[in-house]
Amino acid sequence: MKTKKIPMRSCVGCMESKTKNELIRILKTPENDVVIDITGRQNGRGAYICHKVECLKRARKTKALERSLSIQIPDEIYADIERQMLEFETR
């Protein structure tokens, strides 16, 4: 019996390697919009980040998320991502 391989990804904030399920996928769509990919299956360039707000702040400070997605990210998008992360933590 074959065991299913679990995909691993690195957080752009803390650089820790975790399973895809433990991370949030931030996506640059073909239209150059930056969104959170809830399903993890949308088309576009993706970067992964932990569910911790500290990781998002670190990625913002070092511009790691912007480098990964090759796009400038406005403050509103960072605020929206942070709000959604806080909502997830309270569940």
N, C-alpha and C. Protein backbone atom coordinates (compact mmCIF):
# COMPACT_ATOMS: atom_id res chain seq x y z
N MET A 1 0.84 -1.19 0.00
CA MET A 1 0.00 0.00 0.00
C MET A 1 0.88 1.24 0.00
N LYS A 2 0.58 2.16 -0.92
CA LYS A 2 1.35 3.39 -1.04
C LYS A 2 0.80 4.44 -0.09
N THR A 3 1.71 5.16 0.59
CA THR A 3 1.26 6.28 1.40
C THR A 3 1.29 7.53 0.55
N LYS A 4 0.31 8.39 0.77
CA LYS A 4 0.21 9.62 -0.01
C LYS A 4 1.25 10.62 0.48
N LYS A 5 1.97 11.20 -0.45
CA LYS A 5 2.99 12.19 -0.12
C LYS A 5 2.32 13.51 0.25
N ILE A 6 2.73 14.08 1.37
CA ILE A 6 2.15 15.33 1.84
C ILE A 6 3.03 16.48 1.35
N PRO A 7 2.43 17.42 0.56
CA PRO A 7 3.24 18.52 0.05
C PRO A 7 3.69 19.47 1.16
N MET A 8 4.96 19.86 1.11
CA MET A 8 5.52 20.79 2.10
C MET A 8 5.80 22.13 1.40
N ARG A 9 5.60 23.21 2.14
CA ARG A 9 5.86 24.56 1.64
C ARG A 9 6.55 25.36 2.74
N SER A 10 7.25 26.42 2.35
CA SER A 10 7.94 27.28 3.31
C SER A 10 7.18 28.58 3.50
N CYS A 11 7.08 29.02 4.74
CA CYS A 11 6.47 30.31 5.07
C CYS A 11 7.44 31.42 4.65
N VAL A 12 6.94 32.46 3.97
CA VAL A 12 7.82 33.55 3.55
C VAL A 12 8.20 34.45 4.72
N GLY A 13 7.51 34.31 5.85
CA GLY A 13 7.83 35.12 7.02
C GLY A 13 8.92 34.51 7.87
N CYS A 14 8.70 33.28 8.35
CA CYS A 14 9.65 32.64 9.27
C CYS A 14 10.54 31.62 8.58
N MET A 15 10.23 31.30 7.32
CA MET A 15 11.00 30.34 6.50
C MET A 15 10.91 28.91 7.02
N GLU A 16 9.98 28.60 7.92
CA GLU A 16 9.79 27.23 8.40
C GLU A 16 9.04 26.43 7.34
N SER A 17 9.41 25.19 7.17
CA SER A 17 8.75 24.30 6.24
C SER A 17 7.61 23.58 6.96
N LYS A 18 6.41 23.68 6.38
CA LYS A 18 5.22 23.06 6.97
C LYS A 18 4.37 22.45 5.86
N THR A 19 3.37 21.68 6.26
CA THR A 19 2.47 21.12 5.26
C THR A 19 1.59 22.24 4.70
N LYS A 20 1.10 22.02 3.49
CA LYS A 20 0.25 23.04 2.85
C LYS A 20 -0.96 23.39 3.72
N ASN A 21 -1.48 22.40 4.45
CA ASN A 21 -2.67 22.63 5.27
C ASN A 21 -2.41 23.58 6.43
N GLU A 22 -1.16 23.69 6.86
CA GLU A 22 -0.81 24.54 7.99
C GLU A 22 -0.53 25.98 7.57
N LEU A 23 -0.57 26.27 6.28
CA LEU A 23 -0.21 27.59 5.77
C LEU A 23 -1.35 28.22 5.01
N ILE A 24 -1.28 29.54 4.85
CA ILE A 24 -2.24 30.30 4.06
C ILE A 24 -1.56 30.60 2.73
N ARG A 25 -2.28 30.42 1.63
CA ARG A 25 -1.72 30.73 0.31
C ARG A 25 -2.18 32.12 -0.11
N ILE A 26 -1.21 32.99 -0.36
CA ILE A 26 -1.47 34.32 -0.89
C ILE A 26 -1.20 34.23 -2.39
N LEU A 27 -2.11 34.75 -3.18
CA LEU A 27 -2.08 34.51 -4.61
C LEU A 27 -2.06 35.81 -5.40
N LYS A 28 -1.22 35.84 -6.44
CA LYS A 28 -1.27 36.93 -7.43
C LYS A 28 -1.99 36.35 -8.64
N THR A 29 -3.17 36.87 -8.91
CA THR A 29 -3.98 36.37 -10.02
C THR A 29 -3.40 36.83 -11.35
N PRO A 30 -3.81 36.22 -12.46
CA PRO A 30 -3.35 36.68 -13.77
C PRO A 30 -3.70 38.15 -14.04
N GLU A 31 -4.69 38.69 -13.32
CA GLU A 31 -5.08 40.10 -13.48
C GLU A 31 -4.27 41.01 -12.55
N ASN A 32 -3.24 40.44 -11.86
CA ASN A 32 -2.37 41.15 -10.92
C ASN A 32 -3.08 41.63 -9.66
N ASP A 33 -4.12 40.92 -9.24
CA ASP A 33 -4.76 41.16 -7.95
C ASP A 33 -4.10 40.25 -6.93
N VAL A 34 -4.02 40.70 -5.67
CA VAL A 34 -3.46 39.88 -4.60
C VAL A 34 -4.62 39.47 -3.69
N VAL A 35 -4.83 38.16 -3.55
CA VAL A 35 -5.94 37.64 -2.76
C VAL A 35 -5.47 36.45 -1.92
N ILE A 36 -6.28 36.12 -0.92
CA ILE A 36 -6.03 34.90 -0.16
C ILE A 36 -6.74 33.76 -0.88
N ASP A 37 -6.01 32.71 -1.16
CA ASP A 37 -6.56 31.55 -1.86
C ASP A 37 -7.01 30.54 -0.81
N ILE A 38 -8.29 30.54 -0.51
CA ILE A 38 -8.84 29.65 0.51
C ILE A 38 -8.72 28.19 0.08
N THR A 39 -8.99 27.91 -1.19
CA THR A 39 -9.00 26.53 -1.67
C THR A 39 -7.60 25.99 -1.92
N GLY A 40 -6.64 26.89 -2.18
CA GLY A 40 -5.29 26.45 -2.50
C GLY A 40 -5.15 25.94 -3.91
N ARG A 41 -6.16 26.17 -4.75
CA ARG A 41 -6.16 25.61 -6.10
C ARG A 41 -6.37 26.66 -7.20
N GLN A 42 -6.49 27.93 -6.84
CA GLN A 42 -6.73 28.94 -7.86
C GLN A 42 -5.49 29.13 -8.73
N ASN A 43 -5.71 29.57 -9.96
CA ASN A 43 -4.61 29.82 -10.89
C ASN A 43 -3.88 31.10 -10.50
N GLY A 44 -2.57 31.06 -10.63
CA GLY A 44 -1.77 32.24 -10.36
C GLY A 44 -0.54 31.89 -9.55
N ARG A 45 0.27 32.89 -9.32
CA ARG A 45 1.52 32.74 -8.57
C ARG A 45 1.19 32.79 -7.08
N GLY A 46 1.64 31.79 -6.33
CA GLY A 46 1.31 31.72 -4.91
C GLY A 46 2.52 31.81 -4.01
N ALA A 47 2.28 32.32 -2.81
CA ALA A 47 3.29 32.32 -1.75
C ALA A 47 2.56 31.88 -0.49
N TYR A 48 3.29 31.25 0.41
CA TYR A 48 2.66 30.69 1.60
C TYR A 48 3.14 31.42 2.84
N ILE A 49 2.23 31.53 3.82
CA ILE A 49 2.56 32.19 5.07
C ILE A 49 1.83 31.49 6.21
N CYS A 50 2.46 31.44 7.39
CA CYS A 50 1.85 30.82 8.57
C CYS A 50 0.58 31.56 8.97
N HIS A 51 -0.17 30.97 9.84
CA HIS A 51 -1.39 31.59 10.36
C HIS A 51 -1.09 32.62 11.44
N LYS A 52 0.19 32.92 11.67
CA LYS A 52 0.59 33.86 12.72
C LYS A 52 0.75 35.26 12.14
N VAL A 53 0.20 36.25 12.84
CA VAL A 53 0.30 37.63 12.41
C VAL A 53 1.77 38.09 12.42
N GLU A 54 2.57 37.53 13.35
CA GLU A 54 4.00 37.91 13.42
C GLU A 54 4.70 37.57 12.11
N CYS A 55 4.36 36.44 11.51
CA CYS A 55 4.97 36.04 10.24
C CYS A 55 4.58 37.02 9.13
N LEU A 56 3.34 37.46 9.13
CA LEU A 56 2.90 38.43 8.13
C LEU A 56 3.65 39.75 8.31
N LYS A 57 3.81 40.18 9.55
CA LYS A 57 4.52 41.43 9.82
C LYS A 57 5.99 41.32 9.39
N ARG A 58 6.61 40.18 9.65
CA ARG A 58 8.00 39.97 9.25
C ARG A 58 8.12 39.97 7.72
N ALA A 59 7.18 39.29 7.05
CA ALA A 59 7.19 39.23 5.59
C ALA A 59 6.97 40.62 4.99
N ARG A 60 6.15 41.42 5.66
CA ARG A 60 5.89 42.78 5.18
C ARG A 60 7.13 43.66 5.36
N LYS A 61 7.77 43.54 6.51
CA LYS A 61 8.95 44.35 6.82
C LYS A 61 10.10 44.05 5.86
N THR A 62 10.29 42.77 5.55
CA THR A 62 11.39 42.38 4.66
C THR A 62 10.98 42.35 3.19
N LYS A 63 9.71 42.66 2.91
CA LYS A 63 9.14 42.64 1.56
C LYS A 63 9.25 41.24 0.91
N ALA A 64 9.29 40.21 1.73
CA ALA A 64 9.42 38.84 1.23
C ALA A 64 8.21 38.43 0.39
N LEU A 65 7.02 38.84 0.83
CA LEU A 65 5.80 38.49 0.09
C LEU A 65 5.80 39.18 -1.27
N GLU A 66 6.22 40.44 -1.30
CA GLU A 66 6.28 41.18 -2.56
C GLU A 66 7.30 40.56 -3.52
N ARG A 67 8.44 40.13 -2.99
CA ARG A 67 9.45 39.49 -3.84
C ARG A 67 8.94 38.16 -4.38
N SER A 68 8.27 37.40 -3.54
CA SER A 68 7.76 36.09 -3.97
C SER A 68 6.72 36.21 -5.08
N LEU A 69 5.89 37.24 -4.98
CA LEU A 69 4.82 37.41 -5.95
C LEU A 69 5.19 38.35 -7.10
N SER A 70 6.35 39.00 -7.00
CA SER A 70 6.82 39.95 -8.02
C SER A 70 5.80 41.06 -8.28
N ILE A 71 5.29 41.64 -7.19
CA ILE A 71 4.31 42.72 -7.31
C ILE A 71 4.35 43.56 -6.02
N GLN A 72 4.03 44.84 -6.15
CA GLN A 72 3.92 45.68 -4.96
C GLN A 72 2.55 45.45 -4.34
N ILE A 73 2.53 45.30 -3.02
CA ILE A 73 1.28 45.00 -2.32
C ILE A 73 0.86 46.23 -1.52
N PRO A 74 -0.34 46.76 -1.80
CA PRO A 74 -0.81 47.94 -1.06
C PRO A 74 -1.14 47.63 0.40
N ASP A 75 -1.12 48.67 1.23
CA ASP A 75 -1.39 48.52 2.66
C ASP A 75 -2.76 47.88 2.93
N GLU A 76 -3.74 48.19 2.08
CA GLU A 76 -5.09 47.64 2.29
C GLU A 76 -5.09 46.12 2.20
N ILE A 77 -4.28 45.58 1.31
CA ILE A 77 -4.20 44.13 1.14
C ILE A 77 -3.58 43.50 2.38
N TYR A 78 -2.50 44.10 2.88
CA TYR A 78 -1.89 43.59 4.11
C TYR A 78 -2.90 43.63 5.27
N ALA A 79 -3.65 44.72 5.36
CA ALA A 79 -4.65 44.86 6.43
C ALA A 79 -5.73 43.80 6.29
N ASP A 80 -6.15 43.53 5.06
CA ASP A 80 -7.18 42.52 4.80
C ASP A 80 -6.67 41.12 5.16
N ILE A 81 -5.43 40.82 4.80
CA ILE A 81 -4.84 39.52 5.13
C ILE A 81 -4.75 39.36 6.64
N GLU A 82 -4.30 40.42 7.33
CA GLU A 82 -4.17 40.37 8.79
C GLU A 82 -5.53 40.16 9.45
N ARG A 83 -6.57 40.85 8.94
CA ARG A 83 -7.92 40.70 9.50
C ARG A 83 -8.40 39.26 9.34
N GLN A 84 -8.17 38.68 8.17
CA GLN A 84 -8.60 37.30 7.93
C GLN A 84 -7.82 36.32 8.80
N MET A 85 -6.53 36.61 9.04
CA MET A 85 -5.73 35.75 9.92
C MET A 85 -6.28 35.79 11.35
N LEU A 86 -6.63 36.97 11.81
CA LEU A 86 -7.17 37.12 13.17
C LEU A 86 -8.50 36.40 13.30
N GLU A 87 -9.32 36.47 12.25
CA GLU A 87 -10.60 35.74 12.24
C GLU A 87 -10.35 34.24 12.34
N PHE A 88 -9.35 33.76 11.62
CA PHE A 88 -9.02 32.33 11.63
C PHE A 88 -8.55 31.90 13.02
N GLU A 89 -7.75 32.75 13.69
CA GLU A 89 -7.23 32.41 15.02
C GLU A 89 -8.34 32.30 16.06
N THR A 90 -9.42 33.09 15.89
CA THR A 90 -10.49 33.07 16.87
C THR A 90 -11.44 31.89 16.69
N ARG A 91 -11.32 31.15 15.59
CA ARG A 91 -12.20 29.99 15.36
C ARG A 91 -11.86 28.85 16.27
